[in-house]
Amino acid sequence: MNIKLIIFLIIFCLLFGIFIFYNIFKRKITLQYSLMWFSYCILMLIVLISSPILGEITKFLGFEVTSNMVFFFGFIVLLIISFTLTRFLSIQKEKITTLTQEVGILKRKLDEYHGKN
């Protein structure tokens, strides 16, 4: 892989890590979900630093260019992260629906109680 591309991707991963830290300190994302992104950045840095091994893996898997393999696996990791977040969103939607129903029931009981007094 071209050394300029490796340097660019390493700088990008480091800046992305700083961006994640910034969002954690500003309380825009939770630590739980930032760990996924940190692990992605660390994995990318390890892959980029071990470029000679990466070339051998590229040949073994049949990719023409190493950067294609790096971006392909990056895409796969992002799909996994996207699915995980979608699953979390679905769980939260169920919890919100249940909470809304419980609040409605409690509000109705409270109105009935105040109506009797």
PDB file of N, CA and C in Angstrom:
ATOM      1  N   MET A   1       0.855  -1.171   0.000  1.00  0.00           N
ATOM      2  CA  MET A   1       0.000   0.000   0.000  1.00  0.00           C
ATOM      3  C   MET A   1       0.904   1.238   0.000  1.00  0.00           C
ATOM      4  N   ASN A   2       0.457   2.271  -0.642  1.00  0.00           N
ATOM      5  CA  ASN A   2       1.201   3.505  -0.765  1.00  0.00           C
ATOM      6  C   ASN A   2       1.418   4.128   0.617  1.00  0.00           C
ATOM      7  N   ILE A   3       2.644   4.581   0.881  1.00  0.00           N
ATOM      8  CA  ILE A   3       2.987   5.143   2.185  1.00  0.00           C
ATOM      9  C   ILE A   3       2.176   6.409   2.488  1.00  0.00           C
ATOM     10  N   LYS A   4       1.861   7.195   1.460  1.00  0.00           N
ATOM     11  CA  LYS A   4       1.052   8.405   1.664  1.00  0.00           C
ATOM     12  C   LYS A   4      -0.347   8.038   2.145  1.00  0.00           C
ATOM     13  N   LEU A   5      -0.900   6.974   1.576  1.00  0.00           N
ATOM     14  CA  LEU A   5      -2.226   6.522   1.999  1.00  0.00           C
ATOM     15  C   LEU A   5      -2.196   6.010   3.426  1.00  0.00           C
ATOM     16  N   ILE A   6      -1.144   5.282   3.783  1.00  0.00           N
ATOM     17  CA  ILE A   6      -1.012   4.774   5.152  1.00  0.00           C
ATOM     18  C   ILE A   6      -0.932   5.931   6.138  1.00  0.00           C
ATOM     19  N   ILE A   7      -0.108   6.921   5.837  1.00  0.00           N
ATOM     20  CA  ILE A   7       0.030   8.083   6.720  1.00  0.00           C
ATOM     21  C   ILE A   7      -1.289   8.830   6.832  1.00  0.00           C
ATOM     22  N   PHE A   8      -1.967   9.022   5.711  1.00  0.00           N
ATOM     23  CA  PHE A   8      -3.260   9.712   5.730  1.00  0.00           C
ATOM     24  C   PHE A   8      -4.263   8.956   6.606  1.00  0.00           C
ATOM     25  N   LEU A   9      -4.318   7.629   6.462  1.00  0.00           N
ATOM     26  CA  LEU A   9      -5.283   6.847   7.235  1.00  0.00           C
ATOM     27  C   LEU A   9      -4.930   6.826   8.719  1.00  0.00           C
ATOM     28  N   ILE A  10      -3.640   6.787   9.041  1.00  0.00           N
ATOM     29  CA  ILE A  10      -3.237   6.843  10.451  1.00  0.00           C
ATOM     30  C   ILE A  10      -3.630   8.178  11.056  1.00  0.00           C
ATOM     31  N   ILE A  11      -3.372   9.272  10.352  1.00  0.00           N
ATOM     32  CA  ILE A  11      -3.758  10.601  10.842  1.00  0.00           C
ATOM     33  C   ILE A  11      -5.277  10.683  10.994  1.00  0.00           C
ATOM     34  N   PHE A  12      -6.004  10.128  10.032  1.00  0.00           N
ATOM     35  CA  PHE A  12      -7.462  10.145  10.109  1.00  0.00           C
ATOM     36  C   PHE A  12      -7.948   9.371  11.332  1.00  0.00           C
ATOM     37  N   CYS A  13      -7.375   8.201  11.587  1.00  0.00           N
ATOM     38  CA  CYS A  13      -7.780   7.402  12.751  1.00  0.00           C
ATOM     39  C   CYS A  13      -7.499   8.141  14.052  1.00  0.00           C
ATOM     40  N   LEU A  14      -6.347   8.801  14.130  1.00  0.00           N
ATOM     41  CA  LEU A  14      -6.009   9.559  15.333  1.00  0.00           C
ATOM     42  C   LEU A  14      -6.958  10.738  15.531  1.00  0.00           C
ATOM     43  N   LEU A  15      -7.258  11.452  14.460  1.00  0.00           N
ATOM     44  CA  LEU A  15      -8.201  12.579  14.563  1.00  0.00           C
ATOM     45  C   LEU A  15      -9.601  12.096  14.927  1.00  0.00           C
ATOM     46  N   PHE A  16      -9.984  10.948  14.391  1.00  0.00           N
ATOM     47  CA  PHE A  16     -11.292  10.387  14.717  1.00  0.00           C
ATOM     48  C   PHE A  16     -11.351   9.986  16.188  1.00  0.00           C
ATOM     49  N   GLY A  17     -10.248   9.443  16.713  1.00  0.00           N
ATOM     50  CA  GLY A  17     -10.180   9.112  18.138  1.00  0.00           C
ATOM     51  C   GLY A  17     -10.315  10.353  19.004  1.00  0.00           C
ATOM     52  N   ILE A  18      -9.659  11.441  18.607  1.00  0.00           N
ATOM     53  CA  ILE A  18      -9.782  12.709  19.337  1.00  0.00           C
ATOM     54  C   ILE A  18     -11.217  13.213  19.267  1.00  0.00           C
ATOM     55  N   PHE A  19     -11.851  13.083  18.115  1.00  0.00           N
ATOM     56  CA  PHE A  19     -13.247  13.493  17.950  1.00  0.00           C
ATOM     57  C   PHE A  19     -14.164  12.691  18.880  1.00  0.00           C
ATOM     58  N   ILE A  20     -13.894  11.394  19.027  1.00  0.00           N
ATOM     59  CA  ILE A  20     -14.694  10.568  19.930  1.00  0.00           C
ATOM     60  C   ILE A  20     -14.509  11.041  21.364  1.00  0.00           C
ATOM     61  N   PHE A  21     -13.249  11.286  21.788  1.00  0.00           N
ATOM     62  CA  PHE A  21     -12.997  11.793  23.135  1.00  0.00           C
ATOM     63  C   PHE A  21     -13.728  13.098  23.375  1.00  0.00           C
ATOM     64  N   TYR A  22     -13.688  13.994  22.412  1.00  0.00           N
ATOM     65  CA  TYR A  22     -14.367  15.285  22.534  1.00  0.00           C
ATOM     66  C   TYR A  22     -15.864  15.091  22.775  1.00  0.00           C
ATOM     67  N   ASN A  23     -16.471  14.182  22.019  1.00  0.00           N
ATOM     68  CA  ASN A  23     -17.905  13.946  22.175  1.00  0.00           C
ATOM     69  C   ASN A  23     -18.245  13.268  23.501  1.00  0.00           C
ATOM     70  N   ILE A  24     -17.333  12.460  24.015  1.00  0.00           N
ATOM     71  CA  ILE A  24     -17.559  11.856  25.332  1.00  0.00           C
ATOM     72  C   ILE A  24     -17.533  12.935  26.407  1.00  0.00           C
ATOM     73  N   PHE A  25     -16.541  13.822  26.353  1.00  0.00           N
ATOM     74  CA  PHE A  25     -16.431  14.865  27.364  1.00  0.00           C
ATOM     75  C   PHE A  25     -17.571  15.869  27.277  1.00  0.00           C
ATOM     76  N   LYS A  26     -18.106  16.078  26.105  1.00  0.00           N
ATOM     77  CA  LYS A  26     -19.261  16.972  25.948  1.00  0.00           C
ATOM     78  C   LYS A  26     -20.581  16.250  26.231  1.00  0.00           C
ATOM     79  N   ARG A  27     -20.497  14.957  26.579  1.00  0.00           N
ATOM     80  CA  ARG A  27     -21.642  14.110  26.899  1.00  0.00           C
ATOM     81  C   ARG A  27     -22.643  14.002  25.745  1.00  0.00           C
ATOM     82  N   LYS A  28     -22.102  13.941  24.529  1.00  0.00           N
ATOM     83  CA  LYS A  28     -22.955  13.754  23.358  1.00  0.00           C
ATOM     84  C   LYS A  28     -23.100  12.281  23.005  1.00  0.00           C
ATOM     85  N   ILE A  29     -22.127  11.452  23.425  1.00  0.00           N
ATOM     86  CA  ILE A  29     -22.241  10.005  23.278  1.00  0.00           C
ATOM     87  C   ILE A  29     -21.803   9.359  24.590  1.00  0.00           C
ATOM     88  N   THR A  30     -22.331   8.174  24.843  1.00  0.00           N
ATOM     89  CA  THR A  30     -21.972   7.471  26.070  1.00  0.00           C
ATOM     90  C   THR A  30     -20.705   6.656  25.849  1.00  0.00           C
ATOM     91  N   LEU A  31     -20.065   6.336  26.938  1.00  0.00           N
ATOM     92  CA  LEU A  31     -18.836   5.563  26.873  1.00  0.00           C
ATOM     93  C   LEU A  31     -19.101   4.183  26.287  1.00  0.00           C
ATOM     94  N   GLN A  32     -20.259   3.630  26.583  1.00  0.00           N
ATOM     95  CA  GLN A  32     -20.609   2.293  26.102  1.00  0.00           C
ATOM     96  C   GLN A  32     -20.541   2.214  24.579  1.00  0.00           C
ATOM     97  N   TYR A  33     -21.081   3.183  23.891  1.00  0.00           N
ATOM     98  CA  TYR A  33     -21.111   3.140  22.434  1.00  0.00           C
ATOM     99  C   TYR A  33     -19.846   3.703  21.810  1.00  0.00           C
ATOM    100  N   SER A  34     -19.125   4.515  22.556  1.00  0.00           N
ATOM    101  CA  SER A  34     -17.860   5.011  22.022  1.00  0.00           C
ATOM    102  C   SER A  34     -16.807   3.915  22.000  1.00  0.00           C
ATOM    103  N   LEU A  35     -16.945   2.902  22.848  1.00  0.00           N
ATOM    104  CA  LEU A  35     -15.977   1.805  22.857  1.00  0.00           C
ATOM    105  C   LEU A  35     -15.971   1.053  21.530  1.00  0.00           C
ATOM    106  N   MET A  36     -17.129   0.937  20.905  1.00  0.00           N
ATOM    107  CA  MET A  36     -17.180   0.308  19.584  1.00  0.00           C
ATOM    108  C   MET A  36     -16.325   1.088  18.593  1.00  0.00           C
ATOM    109  N   TRP A  37     -16.467   2.399  18.612  1.00  0.00           N
ATOM    110  CA  TRP A  37     -15.721   3.232  17.672  1.00  0.00           C
ATOM    111  C   TRP A  37     -14.233   3.229  18.004  1.00  0.00           C
ATOM    112  N   PHE A  38     -13.892   3.234  19.305  1.00  0.00           N
ATOM    113  CA  PHE A  38     -12.489   3.154  19.686  1.00  0.00           C
ATOM    114  C   PHE A  38     -11.868   1.841  19.224  1.00  0.00           C
ATOM    115  N   SER A  39     -12.591   0.761  19.393  1.00  0.00           N
ATOM    116  CA  SER A  39     -12.053  -0.532  18.964  1.00  0.00           C
ATOM    117  C   SER A  39     -11.850  -0.548  17.446  1.00  0.00           C
ATOM    118  N   TYR A  40     -12.751   0.088  16.722  1.00  0.00           N
ATOM    119  CA  TYR A  40     -12.602   0.191  15.262  1.00  0.00           C
ATOM    120  C   TYR A  40     -11.349   0.984  14.914  1.00  0.00           C
ATOM    121  N   CYS A  41     -11.122   2.103  15.589  1.00  0.00           N
ATOM    122  CA  CYS A  41      -9.927   2.922  15.326  1.00  0.00           C
ATOM    123  C   CYS A  41      -8.648   2.152  15.652  1.00  0.00           C
ATOM    124  N   ILE A  42      -8.637   1.469  16.780  1.00  0.00           N
ATOM    125  CA  ILE A  42      -7.451   0.720  17.179  1.00  0.00           C
ATOM    126  C   ILE A  42      -7.183  -0.408  16.189  1.00  0.00           C
ATOM    127  N   LEU A  43      -8.230  -1.095  15.778  1.00  0.00           N
ATOM    128  CA  LEU A  43      -8.068  -2.162  14.797  1.00  0.00           C
ATOM    129  C   LEU A  43      -7.489  -1.618  13.490  1.00  0.00           C
ATOM    130  N   MET A  44      -8.004  -0.476  13.040  1.00  0.00           N
ATOM    131  CA  MET A  44      -7.484   0.135  11.812  1.00  0.00           C
ATOM    132  C   MET A  44      -6.016   0.535  11.965  1.00  0.00           C
ATOM    133  N   LEU A  45      -5.656   1.090  13.132  1.00  0.00           N
ATOM    134  CA  LEU A  45      -4.261   1.478  13.342  1.00  0.00           C
ATOM    135  C   LEU A  45      -3.344   0.257  13.338  1.00  0.00           C
ATOM    136  N   ILE A  46      -3.774  -0.819  13.973  1.00  0.00           N
ATOM    137  CA  ILE A  46      -2.959  -2.039  13.977  1.00  0.00           C
ATOM    138  C   ILE A  46      -2.772  -2.561  12.564  1.00  0.00           C
ATOM    139  N   VAL A  47      -3.839  -2.577  11.804  1.00  0.00           N
ATOM    140  CA  VAL A  47      -3.764  -3.063  10.426  1.00  0.00           C
ATOM    141  C   VAL A  47      -2.851  -2.168   9.600  1.00  0.00           C
ATOM    142  N   LEU A  48      -2.949  -0.868   9.777  1.00  0.00           N
ATOM    143  CA  LEU A  48      -2.131   0.051   8.989  1.00  0.00           C
ATOM    144  C   LEU A  48      -0.654  -0.020   9.364  1.00  0.00           C
ATOM    145  N   ILE A  49      -0.376  -0.222  10.644  1.00  0.00           N
ATOM    146  CA  ILE A  49       1.017  -0.278  11.078  1.00  0.00           C
ATOM    147  C   ILE A  49       1.675  -1.577  10.628  1.00  0.00           C
ATOM    148  N   SER A  50       0.907  -2.651  10.595  1.00  0.00           N
ATOM    149  CA  SER A  50       1.471  -3.937  10.175  1.00  0.00           C
ATOM    150  C   SER A  50       1.282  -4.126   8.672  1.00  0.00           C
ATOM    151  N   SER A  51       1.756  -3.189   7.903  1.00  0.00           N
ATOM    152  CA  SER A  51       1.576  -3.192   6.451  1.00  0.00           C
ATOM    153  C   SER A  51       2.191  -4.391   5.737  1.00  0.00           C
ATOM    154  N   PRO A  52       3.396  -4.868   6.095  1.00  0.00           N
ATOM    155  CA  PRO A  52       3.934  -6.043   5.385  1.00  0.00           C
ATOM    156  C   PRO A  52       3.060  -7.282   5.549  1.00  0.00           C
ATOM    157  N   ILE A  53       2.563  -7.496   6.740  1.00  0.00           N
ATOM    158  CA  ILE A  53       1.672  -8.635   6.972  1.00  0.00           C
ATOM    159  C   ILE A  53       0.384  -8.440   6.191  1.00  0.00           C
ATOM    160  N   LEU A  54      -0.042  -7.202   6.121  1.00  0.00           N
ATOM    161  CA  LEU A  54      -1.260  -6.873   5.400  1.00  0.00           C
ATOM    162  C   LEU A  54      -1.148  -7.220   3.915  1.00  0.00           C
ATOM    163  N   GLY A  55       0.040  -7.014   3.347  1.00  0.00           N
ATOM    164  CA  GLY A  55       0.264  -7.352   1.944  1.00  0.00           C
ATOM    165  C   GLY A  55       0.112  -8.846   1.693  1.00  0.00           C
ATOM    166  N   GLU A  56       0.609  -9.638   2.609  1.00  0.00           N
ATOM    167  CA  GLU A  56       0.481 -11.093   2.479  1.00  0.00           C
ATOM    168  C   GLU A  56      -0.973 -11.533   2.610  1.00  0.00           C
ATOM    169  N   ILE A  57      -1.684 -10.930   3.539  1.00  0.00           N
ATOM    170  CA  ILE A  57      -3.103 -11.268   3.716  1.00  0.00           C
ATOM    171  C   ILE A  57      -3.896 -10.865   2.476  1.00  0.00           C
ATOM    172  N   THR A  58      -3.539  -9.730   1.895  1.00  0.00           N
ATOM    173  CA  THR A  58      -4.205  -9.259   0.681  1.00  0.00           C
ATOM    174  C   THR A  58      -4.043 -10.272  -0.447  1.00  0.00           C
ATOM    175  N   LYS A  59      -2.824 -10.747  -0.638  1.00  0.00           N
ATOM    176  CA  LYS A  59      -2.572 -11.737  -1.685  1.00  0.00           C
ATOM    177  C   LYS A  59      -3.335 -13.024  -1.411  1.00  0.00           C
ATOM    178  N   PHE A  60      -3.342 -13.449  -0.138  1.00  0.00           N
ATOM    179  CA  PHE A  60      -4.009 -14.695   0.227  1.00  0.00           C
ATOM    180  C   PHE A  60      -5.517 -14.619  -0.033  1.00  0.00           C
ATOM    181  N   LEU A  61      -6.133 -13.484   0.286  1.00  0.00           N
ATOM    182  CA  LEU A  61      -7.579 -13.331   0.104  1.00  0.00           C
ATOM    183  C   LEU A  61      -7.975 -13.001  -1.332  1.00  0.00           C
ATOM    184  N   GLY A  62      -7.008 -12.653  -2.173  1.00  0.00           N
ATOM    185  CA  GLY A  62      -7.292 -12.431  -3.583  1.00  0.00           C
ATOM    186  C   GLY A  62      -7.638 -10.997  -3.955  1.00  0.00           C
ATOM    187  N   PHE A  63      -7.369 -10.046  -3.068  1.00  0.00           N
ATOM    188  CA  PHE A  63      -7.587  -8.640  -3.420  1.00  0.00           C
ATOM    189  C   PHE A  63      -6.437  -8.168  -4.295  1.00  0.00           C
ATOM    190  N   GLU A  64      -6.731  -7.292  -5.232  1.00  0.00           N
ATOM    191  CA  GLU A  64      -5.698  -6.762  -6.117  1.00  0.00           C
ATOM    192  C   GLU A  64      -4.832  -5.729  -5.406  1.00  0.00           C
ATOM    193  N   VAL A  65      -5.468  -4.865  -4.629  1.00  0.00           N
ATOM    194  CA  VAL A  65      -4.769  -3.770  -3.969  1.00  0.00           C
ATOM    195  C   VAL A  65      -5.072  -3.845  -2.472  1.00  0.00           C
ATOM    196  N   THR A  66      -4.073  -3.583  -1.656  1.00  0.00           N
ATOM    197  CA  THR A  66      -4.230  -3.671  -0.199  1.00  0.00           C
ATOM    198  C   THR A  66      -5.257  -2.682   0.312  1.00  0.00           C
ATOM    199  N   SER A  67      -5.281  -1.491  -0.266  1.00  0.00           N
ATOM    200  CA  SER A  67      -6.241  -0.483   0.198  1.00  0.00           C
ATOM    201  C   SER A  67      -7.681  -0.943  -0.036  1.00  0.00           C
ATOM    202  N   ASN A  68      -7.909  -1.703  -1.100  1.00  0.00           N
ATOM    203  CA  ASN A  68      -9.259  -2.238  -1.325  1.00  0.00           C
ATOM    204  C   ASN A  68      -9.668  -3.168  -0.189  1.00  0.00           C
ATOM    205  N   MET A  69      -8.738  -3.991   0.271  1.00  0.00           N
ATOM    206  CA  MET A  69      -9.045  -4.911   1.363  1.00  0.00           C
ATOM    207  C   MET A  69      -9.291  -4.146   2.662  1.00  0.00           C
ATOM    208  N   VAL A  70      -8.469  -3.136   2.931  1.00  0.00           N
ATOM    209  CA  VAL A  70      -8.639  -2.339   4.152  1.00  0.00           C
ATOM    210  C   VAL A  70     -10.012  -1.675   4.161  1.00  0.00           C
ATOM    211  N   PHE A  71     -10.378  -1.065   3.060  1.00  0.00           N
ATOM    212  CA  PHE A  71     -11.675  -0.394   3.008  1.00  0.00           C
ATOM    213  C   PHE A  71     -12.828  -1.384   3.000  1.00  0.00           C
ATOM    214  N   PHE A  72     -12.634  -2.551   2.406  1.00  0.00           N
ATOM    215  CA  PHE A  72     -13.671  -3.579   2.435  1.00  0.00           C
ATOM    216  C   PHE A  72     -13.942  -4.029   3.865  1.00  0.00           C
ATOM    217  N   PHE A  73     -12.868  -4.333   4.614  1.00  0.00           N
ATOM    218  CA  PHE A  73     -13.073  -4.759   5.998  1.00  0.00           C
ATOM    219  C   PHE A  73     -13.569  -3.616   6.874  1.00  0.00           C
ATOM    220  N   GLY A  74     -13.170  -2.386   6.555  1.00  0.00           N
ATOM    221  CA  GLY A  74     -13.726  -1.228   7.256  1.00  0.00           C
ATOM    222  C   GLY A  74     -15.219  -1.120   7.021  1.00  0.00           C
ATOM    223  N   PHE A  75     -15.621  -1.368   5.793  1.00  0.00           N
ATOM    224  CA  PHE A  75     -17.044  -1.344   5.455  1.00  0.00           C
ATOM    225  C   PHE A  75     -17.801  -2.431   6.227  1.00  0.00           C
ATOM    226  N   ILE A  76     -17.209  -3.617   6.330  1.00  0.00           N
ATOM    227  CA  ILE A  76     -17.841  -4.715   7.060  1.00  0.00           C
ATOM    228  C   ILE A  76     -18.000  -4.349   8.536  1.00  0.00           C
ATOM    229  N   VAL A  77     -16.967  -3.765   9.125  1.00  0.00           N
ATOM    230  CA  VAL A  77     -17.032  -3.360  10.532  1.00  0.00           C
ATOM    231  C   VAL A  77     -18.117  -2.305  10.721  1.00  0.00           C
ATOM    232  N   LEU A  78     -18.213  -1.362   9.802  1.00  0.00           N
ATOM    233  CA  LEU A  78     -19.251  -0.332   9.906  1.00  0.00           C
ATOM    234  C   LEU A  78     -20.647  -0.927   9.764  1.00  0.00           C
ATOM    235  N   LEU A  79     -20.802  -1.947   8.944  1.00  0.00           N
ATOM    236  CA  LEU A  79     -22.098  -2.639   8.862  1.00  0.00           C
ATOM    237  C   LEU A  79     -22.451  -3.302  10.189  1.00  0.00           C
ATOM    238  N   ILE A  80     -21.464  -3.899  10.827  1.00  0.00           N
ATOM    239  CA  ILE A  80     -21.704  -4.537  12.125  1.00  0.00           C
ATOM    240  C   ILE A  80     -22.095  -3.488  13.166  1.00  0.00           C
ATOM    241  N   ILE A  81     -21.378  -2.365  13.173  1.00  0.00           N
ATOM    242  CA  ILE A  81     -21.707  -1.287  14.114  1.00  0.00           C
ATOM    243  C   ILE A  81     -23.103  -0.746  13.826  1.00  0.00           C
ATOM    244  N   SER A  82     -23.434  -0.566  12.572  1.00  0.00           N
ATOM    245  CA  SER A  82     -24.762  -0.072  12.196  1.00  0.00           C
ATOM    246  C   SER A  82     -25.852  -1.041  12.652  1.00  0.00           C
ATOM    247  N   PHE A  83     -25.633  -2.331  12.476  1.00  0.00           N
ATOM    248  CA  PHE A  83     -26.624  -3.319  12.924  1.00  0.00           C
ATOM    249  C   PHE A  83     -26.767  -3.291  14.439  1.00  0.00           C
ATOM    250  N   THR A  84     -25.642  -3.186  15.149  1.00  0.00           N
ATOM    251  CA  THR A  84     -25.694  -3.127  16.616  1.00  0.00           C
ATOM    252  C   THR A  84     -26.491  -1.926  17.083  1.00  0.00           C
ATOM    253  N   LEU A  85     -26.264  -0.785  16.466  1.00  0.00           N
ATOM    254  CA  LEU A  85     -27.000   0.422  16.854  1.00  0.00           C
ATOM    255  C   LEU A  85     -28.476   0.321  16.482  1.00  0.00           C
ATOM    256  N   THR A  86     -28.786  -0.319  15.368  1.00  0.00           N
ATOM    257  CA  THR A  86     -30.180  -0.526  14.988  1.00  0.00           C
ATOM    258  C   THR A  86     -30.879  -1.424  16.000  1.00  0.00           C
ATOM    259  N   ARG A  87     -30.190  -2.466  16.444  1.00  0.00           N
ATOM    260  CA  ARG A  87     -30.748  -3.362  17.456  1.00  0.00           C
ATOM    261  C   ARG A  87     -30.997  -2.599  18.755  1.00  0.00           C
ATOM    262  N   PHE A  88     -30.034  -1.764  19.167  1.00  0.00           N
ATOM    263  CA  PHE A  88     -30.207  -0.951  20.369  1.00  0.00           C
ATOM    264  C   PHE A  88     -31.388   0.001  20.215  1.00  0.00           C
ATOM    265  N   LEU A  89     -31.528   0.601  19.053  1.00  0.00           N
ATOM    266  CA  LEU A  89     -32.636   1.512  18.795  1.00  0.00           C
ATOM    267  C   LEU A  89     -33.979   0.802  18.902  1.00  0.00           C
ATOM    268  N   SER A  90     -34.056  -0.417  18.407  1.00  0.00           N
ATOM    269  CA  SER A  90     -35.285  -1.189  18.491  1.00  0.00           C
ATOM    270  C   SER A  90     -35.640  -1.505  19.939  1.00  0.00           C
ATOM    271  N   ILE A  91     -34.643  -1.875  20.727  1.00  0.00           N
ATOM    272  CA  ILE A  91     -34.880  -2.156  22.147  1.00  0.00           C
ATOM    273  C   ILE A  91     -35.361  -0.902  22.861  1.00  0.00           C
ATOM    274  N   GLN A  92     -34.741   0.235  22.561  1.00  0.00           N
ATOM    275  CA  GLN A  92     -35.152   1.493  23.189  1.00  0.00           C
ATOM    276  C   GLN A  92     -36.576   1.873  22.791  1.00  0.00           C
ATOM    277  N   LYS A  93     -36.946   1.608  21.558  1.00  0.00           N
ATOM    278  CA  LYS A  93     -38.303   1.908  21.107  1.00  0.00           C
ATOM    279  C   LYS A  93     -39.315   1.098  21.896  1.00  0.00           C
ATOM    280  N   GLU A  94     -39.026  -0.170  22.130  1.00  0.00           N
ATOM    281  CA  GLU A  94     -39.919  -1.018  22.924  1.00  0.00           C
ATOM    282  C   GLU A  94     -40.035  -0.490  24.353  1.00  0.00           C
ATOM    283  N   LYS A  95     -38.921  -0.092  24.937  1.00  0.00           N
ATOM    284  CA  LYS A  95     -38.933   0.436  26.306  1.00  0.00           C
ATOM    285  C   LYS A  95     -39.728   1.733  26.383  1.00  0.00           C
ATOM    286  N   ILE A  96     -39.585   2.592  25.385  1.00  0.00           N
ATOM    287  CA  ILE A  96     -40.321   3.859  25.367  1.00  0.00           C
ATOM    288  C   ILE A  96     -41.813   3.601  25.236  1.00  0.00           C
ATOM    289  N   THR A  97     -42.196   2.644  24.394  1.00  0.00           N
ATOM    290  CA  THR A  97     -43.609   2.307  24.232  1.00  0.00           C
ATOM    291  C   THR A  97     -44.193   1.805  25.549  1.00  0.00           C
ATOM    292  N   THR A  98     -43.480   0.908  26.217  1.00  0.00           N
ATOM    293  CA  THR A  98     -43.941   0.383  27.506  1.00  0.00           C
ATOM    294  C   THR A  98     -44.033   1.500  28.534  1.00  0.00           C
ATOM    295  N   LEU A  99     -43.052   2.354  28.596  1.00  0.00           N
ATOM    296  CA  LEU A  99     -43.052   3.460  29.549  1.00  0.00           C
ATOM    297  C   LEU A  99     -44.210   4.412  29.276  1.00  0.00           C
ATOM    298  N   THR A 100     -44.471   4.706  28.025  1.00  0.00           N
ATOM    299  CA  THR A 100     -45.582   5.592  27.670  1.00  0.00           C
ATOM    300  C   THR A 100     -46.914   4.986  28.093  1.00  0.00           C
ATOM    301  N   GLN A 101     -47.085   3.705  27.889  1.00  0.00           N
ATOM    302  CA  GLN A 101     -48.318   3.035  28.300  1.00  0.00           C
ATOM    303  C   GLN A 101     -48.473   3.051  29.811  1.00  0.00           C
ATOM    304  N   GLU A 102     -47.388   2.806  30.541  1.00  0.00           N
ATOM    305  CA  GLU A 102     -47.452   2.827  32.000  1.00  0.00           C
ATOM    306  C   GLU A 102     -47.788   4.214  32.527  1.00  0.00           C
ATOM    307  N   VAL A 103     -47.191   5.242  31.941  1.00  0.00           N
ATOM    308  CA  VAL A 103     -47.477   6.618  32.358  1.00  0.00           C
ATOM    309  C   VAL A 103     -48.935   6.957  32.059  1.00  0.00           C
ATOM    310  N   GLY A 104     -49.444   6.513  30.910  1.00  0.00           N
ATOM    311  CA  GLY A 104     -50.862   6.755  30.581  1.00  0.00           C
ATOM    312  C   GLY A 104     -51.793   6.096  31.573  1.00  0.00           C
ATOM    313  N   ILE A 105     -51.496   4.872  31.955  1.00  0.00           N
ATOM    314  CA  ILE A 105     -52.327   4.163  32.933  1.00  0.00           C
ATOM    315  C   ILE A 105     -52.273   4.880  34.283  1.00  0.00           C
ATOM    316  N   LEU A 106     -51.071   5.276  34.724  1.00  0.00           N
ATOM    317  CA  LEU A 106     -50.948   5.981  36.003  1.00  0.00           C
ATOM    318  C   LEU A 106     -51.661   7.337  35.969  1.00  0.00           C
ATOM    319  N   LYS A 107     -51.609   8.013  34.848  1.00  0.00           N
ATOM    320  CA  LYS A 107     -52.280   9.311  34.723  1.00  0.00           C
ATOM    321  C   LYS A 107     -53.790   9.129  34.803  1.00  0.00           C
ATOM    322  N   ARG A 108     -54.301   8.099  34.144  1.00  0.00           N
ATOM    323  CA  ARG A 108     -55.737   7.829  34.205  1.00  0.00           C
ATOM    324  C   ARG A 108     -56.166   7.492  35.630  1.00  0.00           C
ATOM    325  N   LYS A 109     -55.403   6.683  36.335  1.00  0.00           N
ATOM    326  CA  LYS A 109     -55.722   6.350  37.729  1.00  0.00           C
ATOM    327  C   LYS A 109     -55.653   7.576  38.609  1.00  0.00           C
ATOM    328  N   LEU A 110     -54.704   8.458  38.377  1.00  0.00           N
ATOM    329  CA  LEU A 110     -54.587   9.679  39.147  1.00  0.00           C
ATOM    330  C   LEU A 110     -55.770  10.602  38.887  1.00  0.00           C
ATOM    331  N   ASP A 111     -56.194  10.699  37.617  1.00  0.00           N
ATOM    332  CA  ASP A 111     -57.376  11.512  37.279  1.00  0.00           C
ATOM    333  C   ASP A 111     -58.623  10.946  37.944  1.00  0.00           C
ATOM    334  N   GLU A 112     -58.757   9.612  37.939  1.00  0.00           N
ATOM    335  CA  GLU A 112     -59.909   8.977  38.597  1.00  0.00           C
ATOM    336  C   GLU A 112     -59.886   9.240  40.093  1.00  0.00           C
ATOM    337  N   TYR A 113     -58.721   9.188  40.696  1.00  0.00           N
ATOM    338  CA  TYR A 113     -58.587   9.419  42.136  1.00  0.00           C
ATOM    339  C   TYR A 113     -58.968  10.861  42.477  1.00  0.00           C
ATOM    340  N   HIS A 114     -58.484  11.819  41.680  1.00  0.00           N
ATOM    341  CA  HIS A 114     -58.817  13.225  41.942  1.00  0.00           C
ATOM    342  C   HIS A 114     -60.285  13.520  41.617  1.00  0.00           C
ATOM    343  N   GLY A 115     -60.854  12.767  40.704  1.00  0.00           N
ATOM    344  CA  GLY A 115     -62.266  12.958  40.352  1.00  0.00           C
ATOM    345  C   GLY A 115     -63.190  12.525  41.467  1.00  0.00           C
ATOM    346  N   LYS A 116     -62.789  11.526  42.254  1.00  0.00           N
ATOM    347  CA  LYS A 116     -63.610  11.022  43.359  1.00  0.00           C
ATOM    348  C   LYS A 116     -63.541  11.949  44.547  1.00  0.00           C
ATOM    349  N   ASN A 117     -62.450  12.669  44.712  1.00  0.00           N
ATOM    350  CA  ASN A 117     -62.297  13.540  45.886  1.00  0.00           C
ATOM    351  C   ASN A 117     -62.830  14.870  45.601  1.00  0.00           C
TER     352      ASN A 117
END
